[in-house]
Amino acid sequence: SGLAEAERDRIFEPFFTTKPNGMGMGLMFCRTVI
């Protein structure tokens, strides 16, 4: 489905998620590790 323009800059923020049951920590963890 791709990324909405408004979401692309926020998906790496903690607790921000586009999934109904997401925690918003996964991508933040990925960026932190990388």
ModelCIF file with pLDDT and N, C-alpha, C, O atoms, coordinates in Angstrom:
data_MODEL
#
_entry.id   MODEL 
#
_entity.id                         1 
_entity.type                       polymer 
_entity.pdbx_number_of_molecules   1 
#
_entity_poly.entity_id                      1 
_entity_poly.type                           'polypeptide(L)' 
_entity_poly.nstd_linkage                   no 
_entity_poly.nstd_monomer                   no 
_entity_poly.pdbx_seq_one_letter_code       SGLAEAERDRIFEPFFTTKPNGMGMGLMFCRTVI 
_entity_poly.pdbx_seq_one_letter_code_can   SGLAEAERDRIFEPFFTTKPNGMGMGLMFCRTVI 
_entity_poly.pdbx_strand_id                 A 
#
loop_
_entity_poly_seq.entity_id 
_entity_poly_seq.num 
_entity_poly_seq.mon_id 
_entity_poly_seq.hetero 
1 1  SER n 
1 2  GLY n 
1 3  LEU n 
1 4  ALA n 
1 5  GLU n 
1 6  ALA n 
1 7  GLU n 
1 8  ARG n 
1 9  ASP n 
1 10 ARG n 
1 11 ILE n 
1 12 PHE n 
1 13 GLU n 
1 14 PRO n 
1 15 PHE n 
1 16 PHE n 
1 17 THR n 
1 18 THR n 
1 19 LYS n 
1 20 PRO n 
1 21 ASN n 
1 22 GLY n 
1 23 MET n 
1 24 GLY n 
1 25 MET n 
1 26 GLY n 
1 27 LEU n 
1 28 MET n 
1 29 PHE n 
1 30 CYS n 
1 31 ARG n 
1 32 THR n 
1 33 VAL n 
1 34 ILE n 
#
_struct_asym.id          A 
_struct_asym.entity_id   1 
#
loop_
_ma_qa_metric.id 
_ma_qa_metric.mode 
_ma_qa_metric.name 
_ma_qa_metric.software_group_id 
_ma_qa_metric.type 
1 global pLDDT . pLDDT 
2 local  pLDDT . pLDDT 
#
_ma_qa_metric_global.metric_id      1 
_ma_qa_metric_global.metric_value   71.24 
_ma_qa_metric_global.model_id       1 
_ma_qa_metric_global.ordinal_id     1 
#
loop_
_ma_qa_metric_local.label_asym_id 
_ma_qa_metric_local.label_comp_id 
_ma_qa_metric_local.label_seq_id 
_ma_qa_metric_local.metric_id 
_ma_qa_metric_local.metric_value 
_ma_qa_metric_local.model_id 
_ma_qa_metric_local.ordinal_id 
A SER 1  2 81.00 1 1  
A GLY 2  2 82.00 1 2  
A LEU 3  2 80.00 1 3  
A ALA 4  2 77.00 1 4  
A GLU 5  2 76.00 1 5  
A ALA 6  2 71.00 1 6  
A GLU 7  2 74.00 1 7  
A ARG 8  2 71.00 1 8  
A ASP 9  2 72.00 1 9  
A ARG 10 2 76.00 1 10 
A ILE 11 2 77.00 1 11 
A PHE 12 2 75.00 1 12 
A GLU 13 2 72.00 1 13 
A PRO 14 2 64.00 1 14 
A PHE 15 2 62.00 1 15 
A PHE 16 2 63.00 1 16 
A THR 17 2 67.00 1 17 
A THR 18 2 66.00 1 18 
A LYS 19 2 67.00 1 19 
A PRO 20 2 59.00 1 20 
A ASN 21 2 57.00 1 21 
A GLY 22 2 57.00 1 22 
A MET 23 2 56.00 1 23 
A GLY 24 2 58.00 1 24 
A MET 25 2 62.00 1 25 
A GLY 26 2 69.00 1 26 
A LEU 27 2 77.00 1 27 
A MET 28 2 75.00 1 28 
A PHE 29 2 72.00 1 29 
A CYS 30 2 80.00 1 30 
A ARG 31 2 83.00 1 31 
A THR 32 2 78.00 1 32 
A VAL 33 2 79.00 1 33 
A ILE 34 2 87.00 1 34 
#
loop_
_atom_site.group_PDB 
_atom_site.id 
_atom_site.type_symbol 
_atom_site.label_atom_id 
_atom_site.label_alt_id 
_atom_site.label_comp_id 
_atom_site.label_asym_id 
_atom_site.label_entity_id 
_atom_site.label_seq_id 
_atom_site.pdbx_PDB_ins_code 
_atom_site.Cartn_x 
_atom_site.Cartn_y 
_atom_site.Cartn_z 
_atom_site.occupancy 
_atom_site.B_iso_or_equiv 
_atom_site.pdbx_formal_charge 
_atom_site.auth_seq_id 
_atom_site.auth_comp_id 
_atom_site.auth_asym_id 
_atom_site.auth_atom_id 
_atom_site.pdbx_PDB_model_num 
ATOM 1   N N  . SER A 1 1  ? 0.805  -1.224 0.000  1.00 81.00 ? 1  SER A N  1 
ATOM 2   C CA . SER A 1 1  ? 0.000  0.000  0.000  1.00 81.00 ? 1  SER A CA 1 
ATOM 3   C C  . SER A 1 1  ? 0.839  1.276  0.000  1.00 81.00 ? 1  SER A C  1 
ATOM 4   O O  . SER A 1 1  ? 0.314  2.357  -0.265 1.00 81.00 ? 1  SER A O  1 
ATOM 5   N N  . GLY A 1 2  ? 2.127  1.164  0.292  1.00 82.00 ? 2  GLY A N  1 
ATOM 6   C CA . GLY A 1 2  ? 2.986  2.338  0.260  1.00 82.00 ? 2  GLY A CA 1 
ATOM 7   C C  . GLY A 1 2  ? 2.842  3.220  1.488  1.00 82.00 ? 2  GLY A C  1 
ATOM 8   O O  . GLY A 1 2  ? 2.140  2.873  2.438  1.00 82.00 ? 2  GLY A O  1 
ATOM 9   N N  . LEU A 1 3  ? 3.524  4.380  1.458  1.00 80.00 ? 3  LEU A N  1 
ATOM 10  C CA . LEU A 1 3  ? 3.549  5.309  2.586  1.00 80.00 ? 3  LEU A CA 1 
ATOM 11  C C  . LEU A 1 3  ? 2.906  6.629  2.178  1.00 80.00 ? 3  LEU A C  1 
ATOM 12  O O  . LEU A 1 3  ? 3.214  7.187  1.125  1.00 80.00 ? 3  LEU A O  1 
ATOM 13  N N  . ALA A 1 4  ? 2.018  7.110  3.018  1.00 77.00 ? 4  ALA A N  1 
ATOM 14  C CA . ALA A 1 4  ? 1.449  8.431  2.781  1.00 77.00 ? 4  ALA A CA 1 
ATOM 15  C C  . ALA A 1 4  ? 2.509  9.498  3.030  1.00 77.00 ? 4  ALA A C  1 
ATOM 16  O O  . ALA A 1 4  ? 3.437  9.291  3.813  1.00 77.00 ? 4  ALA A O  1 
ATOM 17  N N  . GLU A 1 5  ? 2.366  10.638 2.360  1.00 76.00 ? 5  GLU A N  1 
ATOM 18  C CA . GLU A 1 5  ? 3.363  11.700 2.476  1.00 76.00 ? 5  GLU A CA 1 
ATOM 19  C C  . GLU A 1 5  ? 3.502  12.163 3.923  1.00 76.00 ? 5  GLU A C  1 
ATOM 20  O O  . GLU A 1 5  ? 4.603  12.457 4.390  1.00 76.00 ? 5  GLU A O  1 
ATOM 21  N N  . ALA A 1 6  ? 2.368  12.225 4.628  1.00 71.00 ? 6  ALA A N  1 
ATOM 22  C CA . ALA A 1 6  ? 2.411  12.707 6.009  1.00 71.00 ? 6  ALA A CA 1 
ATOM 23  C C  . ALA A 1 6  ? 3.030  11.687 6.947  1.00 71.00 ? 6  ALA A C  1 
ATOM 24  O O  . ALA A 1 6  ? 3.492  12.048 8.030  1.00 71.00 ? 6  ALA A O  1 
ATOM 25  N N  . GLU A 1 7  ? 3.050  10.419 6.555  1.00 74.00 ? 7  GLU A N  1 
ATOM 26  C CA . GLU A 1 7  ? 3.577  9.369  7.430  1.00 74.00 ? 7  GLU A CA 1 
ATOM 27  C C  . GLU A 1 7  ? 5.076  9.179  7.272  1.00 74.00 ? 7  GLU A C  1 
ATOM 28  O O  . GLU A 1 7  ? 5.745  8.728  8.201  1.00 74.00 ? 7  GLU A O  1 
ATOM 29  N N  . ARG A 1 8  ? 5.610  9.518  6.106  1.00 71.00 ? 8  ARG A N  1 
ATOM 30  C CA . ARG A 1 8  ? 6.992  9.140  5.802  1.00 71.00 ? 8  ARG A CA 1 
ATOM 31  C C  . ARG A 1 8  ? 7.992  9.756  6.778  1.00 71.00 ? 8  ARG A C  1 
ATOM 32  O O  . ARG A 1 8  ? 9.016  9.148  7.090  1.00 71.00 ? 8  ARG A O  1 
ATOM 33  N N  . ASP A 1 9  ? 7.693  10.966 7.259  1.00 72.00 ? 9  ASP A N  1 
ATOM 34  C CA . ASP A 1 9  ? 8.618  11.635 8.164  1.00 72.00 ? 9  ASP A CA 1 
ATOM 35  C C  . ASP A 1 9  ? 8.395  11.259 9.622  1.00 72.00 ? 9  ASP A C  1 
ATOM 36  O O  . ASP A 1 9  ? 9.190  11.635 10.484 1.00 72.00 ? 9  ASP A O  1 
ATOM 37  N N  . ARG A 1 10 ? 7.325  10.521 9.911  1.00 76.00 ? 10 ARG A N  1 
ATOM 38  C CA . ARG A 1 10 ? 7.010  10.214 11.310 1.00 76.00 ? 10 ARG A CA 1 
ATOM 39  C C  . ARG A 1 10 ? 7.143  8.742  11.666 1.00 76.00 ? 10 ARG A C  1 
ATOM 40  O O  . ARG A 1 10 ? 7.074  8.382  12.841 1.00 76.00 ? 10 ARG A O  1 
ATOM 41  N N  . ILE A 1 11 ? 7.334  7.882  10.660 1.00 77.00 ? 11 ILE A N  1 
ATOM 42  C CA . ILE A 1 11 ? 7.295  6.446  10.939 1.00 77.00 ? 11 ILE A CA 1 
ATOM 43  C C  . ILE A 1 11 ? 8.424  5.988  11.849 1.00 77.00 ? 11 ILE A C  1 
ATOM 44  O O  . ILE A 1 11 ? 8.330  4.923  12.459 1.00 77.00 ? 11 ILE A O  1 
ATOM 45  N N  . PHE A 1 12 ? 9.488  6.773  11.949 1.00 75.00 ? 12 PHE A N  1 
ATOM 46  C CA . PHE A 1 12 ? 10.593 6.383  12.822 1.00 75.00 ? 12 PHE A CA 1 
ATOM 47  C C  . PHE A 1 12 ? 10.475 6.985  14.224 1.00 75.00 ? 12 PHE A C  1 
ATOM 48  O O  . PHE A 1 12 ? 11.342 6.780  15.074 1.00 75.00 ? 12 PHE A O  1 
ATOM 49  N N  . GLU A 1 13 ? 9.393  7.728  14.452 1.00 72.00 ? 13 GLU A N  1 
ATOM 50  C CA . GLU A 1 13 ? 9.198  8.293  15.783 1.00 72.00 ? 13 GLU A CA 1 
ATOM 51  C C  . GLU A 1 13 ? 8.663  7.222  16.735 1.00 72.00 ? 13 GLU A C  1 
ATOM 52  O O  . GLU A 1 13 ? 7.914  6.339  16.318 1.00 72.00 ? 13 GLU A O  1 
ATOM 53  N N  . PRO A 1 14 ? 9.046  7.300  18.014 1.00 64.00 ? 14 PRO A N  1 
ATOM 54  C CA . PRO A 1 14 ? 8.514  6.319  18.972 1.00 64.00 ? 14 PRO A CA 1 
ATOM 55  C C  . PRO A 1 14 ? 7.006  6.473  19.146 1.00 64.00 ? 14 PRO A C  1 
ATOM 56  O O  . PRO A 1 14 ? 6.477  7.584  19.192 1.00 64.00 ? 14 PRO A O  1 
ATOM 57  N N  . PHE A 1 15 ? 6.335  5.342  19.241 1.00 62.00 ? 15 PHE A N  1 
ATOM 58  C CA . PHE A 1 15 ? 4.903  5.232  19.489 1.00 62.00 ? 15 PHE A CA 1 
ATOM 59  C C  . PHE A 1 15 ? 4.039  5.707  18.321 1.00 62.00 ? 15 PHE A C  1 
ATOM 60  O O  . PHE A 1 15 ? 2.820  5.804  18.457 1.00 62.00 ? 15 PHE A O  1 
ATOM 61  N N  . PHE A 1 16 ? 4.660  6.004  17.167 1.00 63.00 ? 16 PHE A N  1 
ATOM 62  C CA . PHE A 1 16 ? 3.864  6.309  15.979 1.00 63.00 ? 16 PHE A CA 1 
ATOM 63  C C  . PHE A 1 16 ? 3.753  5.049  15.126 1.00 63.00 ? 16 PHE A C  1 
ATOM 64  O O  . PHE A 1 16 ? 4.766  4.436  14.790 1.00 63.00 ? 16 PHE A O  1 
ATOM 65  N N  . THR A 1 17 ? 2.523  4.660  14.774 1.00 67.00 ? 17 THR A N  1 
ATOM 66  C CA . THR A 1 17 ? 2.321  3.433  14.013 1.00 67.00 ? 17 THR A CA 1 
ATOM 67  C C  . THR A 1 17 ? 1.166  3.612  13.045 1.00 67.00 ? 17 THR A C  1 
ATOM 68  O O  . THR A 1 17 ? 0.239  4.376  13.314 1.00 67.00 ? 17 THR A O  1 
ATOM 69  N N  . THR A 1 18 ? 1.216  2.914  11.921 1.00 66.00 ? 18 THR A N  1 
ATOM 70  C CA . THR A 1 18 ? 0.128  2.890  10.957 1.00 66.00 ? 18 THR A CA 1 
ATOM 71  C C  . THR A 1 18 ? -0.681 1.602  11.061 1.00 66.00 ? 18 THR A C  1 
ATOM 72  O O  . THR A 1 18 ? -1.642 1.421  10.313 1.00 66.00 ? 18 THR A O  1 
ATOM 73  N N  . LYS A 1 19 ? -0.316 0.711  11.965 1.00 67.00 ? 19 LYS A N  1 
ATOM 74  C CA . LYS A 1 19 ? -1.028 -0.554 12.154 1.00 67.00 ? 19 LYS A CA 1 
ATOM 75  C C  . LYS A 1 19 ? -2.055 -0.403 13.266 1.00 67.00 ? 19 LYS A C  1 
ATOM 76  O O  . LYS A 1 19 ? -1.816 0.308  14.242 1.00 67.00 ? 19 LYS A O  1 
ATOM 77  N N  . PRO A 1 20 ? -3.201 -1.070 13.121 1.00 59.00 ? 20 PRO A N  1 
ATOM 78  C CA . PRO A 1 20 ? -4.242 -0.951 14.158 1.00 59.00 ? 20 PRO A CA 1 
ATOM 79  C C  . PRO A 1 20 ? -3.760 -1.396 15.533 1.00 59.00 ? 20 PRO A C  1 
ATOM 80  O O  . PRO A 1 20 ? -4.139 -0.808 16.546 1.00 59.00 ? 20 PRO A O  1 
ATOM 81  N N  . ASN A 1 21 ? -2.920 -2.441 15.573 1.00 57.00 ? 21 ASN A N  1 
ATOM 82  C CA . ASN A 1 21 ? -2.478 -2.975 16.862 1.00 57.00 ? 21 ASN A CA 1 
ATOM 83  C C  . ASN A 1 21 ? -0.976 -2.794 17.075 1.00 57.00 ? 21 ASN A C  1 
ATOM 84  O O  . ASN A 1 21 ? -0.373 -3.491 17.891 1.00 57.00 ? 21 ASN A O  1 
ATOM 85  N N  . GLY A 1 22 ? -0.373 -1.862 16.343 1.00 57.00 ? 22 GLY A N  1 
ATOM 86  C CA . GLY A 1 22 ? 1.065  -1.660 16.480 1.00 57.00 ? 22 GLY A CA 1 
ATOM 87  C C  . GLY A 1 22 ? 1.430  -0.847 17.707 1.00 57.00 ? 22 GLY A C  1 
ATOM 88  O O  . GLY A 1 22 ? 0.611  -0.104 18.247 1.00 57.00 ? 22 GLY A O  1 
ATOM 89  N N  . MET A 1 23 ? 2.696  -1.003 18.144 1.00 56.00 ? 23 MET A N  1 
ATOM 90  C CA . MET A 1 23 ? 3.193  -0.247 19.295 1.00 56.00 ? 23 MET A CA 1 
ATOM 91  C C  . MET A 1 23 ? 3.970  0.990  18.883 1.00 56.00 ? 23 MET A C  1 
ATOM 92  O O  . MET A 1 23 ? 4.191  1.891  19.692 1.00 56.00 ? 23 MET A O  1 
ATOM 93  N N  . GLY A 1 24 ? 4.390  1.032  17.605 1.00 58.00 ? 24 GLY A N  1 
ATOM 94  C CA . GLY A 1 24 ? 5.167  2.179  17.158 1.00 58.00 ? 24 GLY A CA 1 
ATOM 95  C C  . GLY A 1 24 ? 6.595  2.174  17.654 1.00 58.00 ? 24 GLY A C  1 
ATOM 96  O O  . GLY A 1 24 ? 7.204  3.235  17.786 1.00 58.00 ? 24 GLY A O  1 
ATOM 97  N N  . MET A 1 25 ? 7.147  0.993  17.934 1.00 62.00 ? 25 MET A N  1 
ATOM 98  C CA . MET A 1 25 ? 8.518  0.904  18.450 1.00 62.00 ? 25 MET A CA 1 
ATOM 99  C C  . MET A 1 25 ? 9.448  0.189  17.480 1.00 62.00 ? 25 MET A C  1 
ATOM 100 O O  . MET A 1 25 ? 10.667 0.321  17.596 1.00 62.00 ? 25 MET A O  1 
ATOM 101 N N  . GLY A 1 26 ? 8.899  -0.576 16.513 1.00 69.00 ? 26 GLY A N  1 
ATOM 102 C CA . GLY A 1 26 ? 9.731  -1.406 15.650 1.00 69.00 ? 26 GLY A CA 1 
ATOM 103 C C  . GLY A 1 26 ? 10.698 -0.614 14.797 1.00 69.00 ? 26 GLY A C  1 
ATOM 104 O O  . GLY A 1 26 ? 11.900 -0.881 14.814 1.00 69.00 ? 26 GLY A O  1 
ATOM 105 N N  . LEU A 1 27 ? 10.187 0.369  14.040 1.00 77.00 ? 27 LEU A N  1 
ATOM 106 C CA . LEU A 1 27 ? 11.067 1.147  13.163 1.00 77.00 ? 27 LEU A CA 1 
ATOM 107 C C  . LEU A 1 27 ? 11.997 2.048  13.972 1.00 77.00 ? 27 LEU A C  1 
ATOM 108 O O  . LEU A 1 27 ? 13.126 2.299  13.553 1.00 77.00 ? 27 LEU A O  1 
ATOM 109 N N  . MET A 1 28 ? 11.540 2.535  15.121 1.00 75.00 ? 28 MET A N  1 
ATOM 110 C CA . MET A 1 28 ? 12.422 3.309  15.983 1.00 75.00 ? 28 MET A CA 1 
ATOM 111 C C  . MET A 1 28 ? 13.593 2.446  16.448 1.00 75.00 ? 28 MET A C  1 
ATOM 112 O O  . MET A 1 28 ? 14.738 2.897  16.482 1.00 75.00 ? 28 MET A O  1 
ATOM 113 N N  . PHE A 1 29 ? 13.286 1.186  16.808 1.00 72.00 ? 29 PHE A N  1 
ATOM 114 C CA . PHE A 1 29 ? 14.351 0.266  17.207 1.00 72.00 ? 29 PHE A CA 1 
ATOM 115 C C  . PHE A 1 29 ? 15.313 0.029  16.051 1.00 72.00 ? 29 PHE A C  1 
ATOM 116 O O  . PHE A 1 29 ? 16.529 0.024  16.245 1.00 72.00 ? 29 PHE A O  1 
ATOM 117 N N  . CYS A 1 30 ? 14.769 -0.171 14.834 1.00 80.00 ? 30 CYS A N  1 
ATOM 118 C CA . CYS A 1 30 ? 15.633 -0.423 13.676 1.00 80.00 ? 30 CYS A CA 1 
ATOM 119 C C  . CYS A 1 30 ? 16.588 0.744  13.428 1.00 80.00 ? 30 CYS A C  1 
ATOM 120 O O  . CYS A 1 30 ? 17.787 0.543  13.234 1.00 80.00 ? 30 CYS A O  1 
ATOM 121 N N  . ARG A 1 31 ? 16.054 1.950  13.435 1.00 83.00 ? 31 ARG A N  1 
ATOM 122 C CA . ARG A 1 31 ? 16.918 3.116  13.184 1.00 83.00 ? 31 ARG A CA 1 
ATOM 123 C C  . ARG A 1 31 ? 17.953 3.281  14.294 1.00 83.00 ? 31 ARG A C  1 
ATOM 124 O O  . ARG A 1 31 ? 19.107 3.621  14.029 1.00 83.00 ? 31 ARG A O  1 
ATOM 125 N N  . THR A 1 32 ? 17.530 3.035  15.560 1.00 78.00 ? 32 THR A N  1 
ATOM 126 C CA . THR A 1 32 ? 18.469 3.148  16.679 1.00 78.00 ? 32 THR A CA 1 
ATOM 127 C C  . THR A 1 32 ? 19.626 2.182  16.507 1.00 78.00 ? 32 THR A C  1 
ATOM 128 O O  . THR A 1 32 ? 20.781 2.562  16.700 1.00 78.00 ? 32 THR A O  1 
ATOM 129 N N  . VAL A 1 33 ? 19.336 0.945  16.149 1.00 79.00 ? 33 VAL A N  1 
ATOM 130 C CA . VAL A 1 33 ? 20.388 -0.064 15.970 1.00 79.00 ? 33 VAL A CA 1 
ATOM 131 C C  . VAL A 1 33 ? 21.306 0.309  14.815 1.00 79.00 ? 33 VAL A C  1 
ATOM 132 O O  . VAL A 1 33 ? 22.529 0.268  14.947 1.00 79.00 ? 33 VAL A O  1 
ATOM 133 N N  . ILE A 1 34 ? 20.702 0.678  13.667 1.00 87.00 ? 34 ILE A N  1 
ATOM 134 C CA . ILE A 1 34 ? 21.515 0.985  12.490 1.00 87.00 ? 34 ILE A CA 1 
ATOM 135 C C  . ILE A 1 34 ? 22.416 2.196  12.755 1.00 87.00 ? 34 ILE A C  1 
ATOM 136 O O  . ILE A 1 34 ? 23.174 2.605  11.877 1.00 87.00 ? 34 ILE A O  1 
#
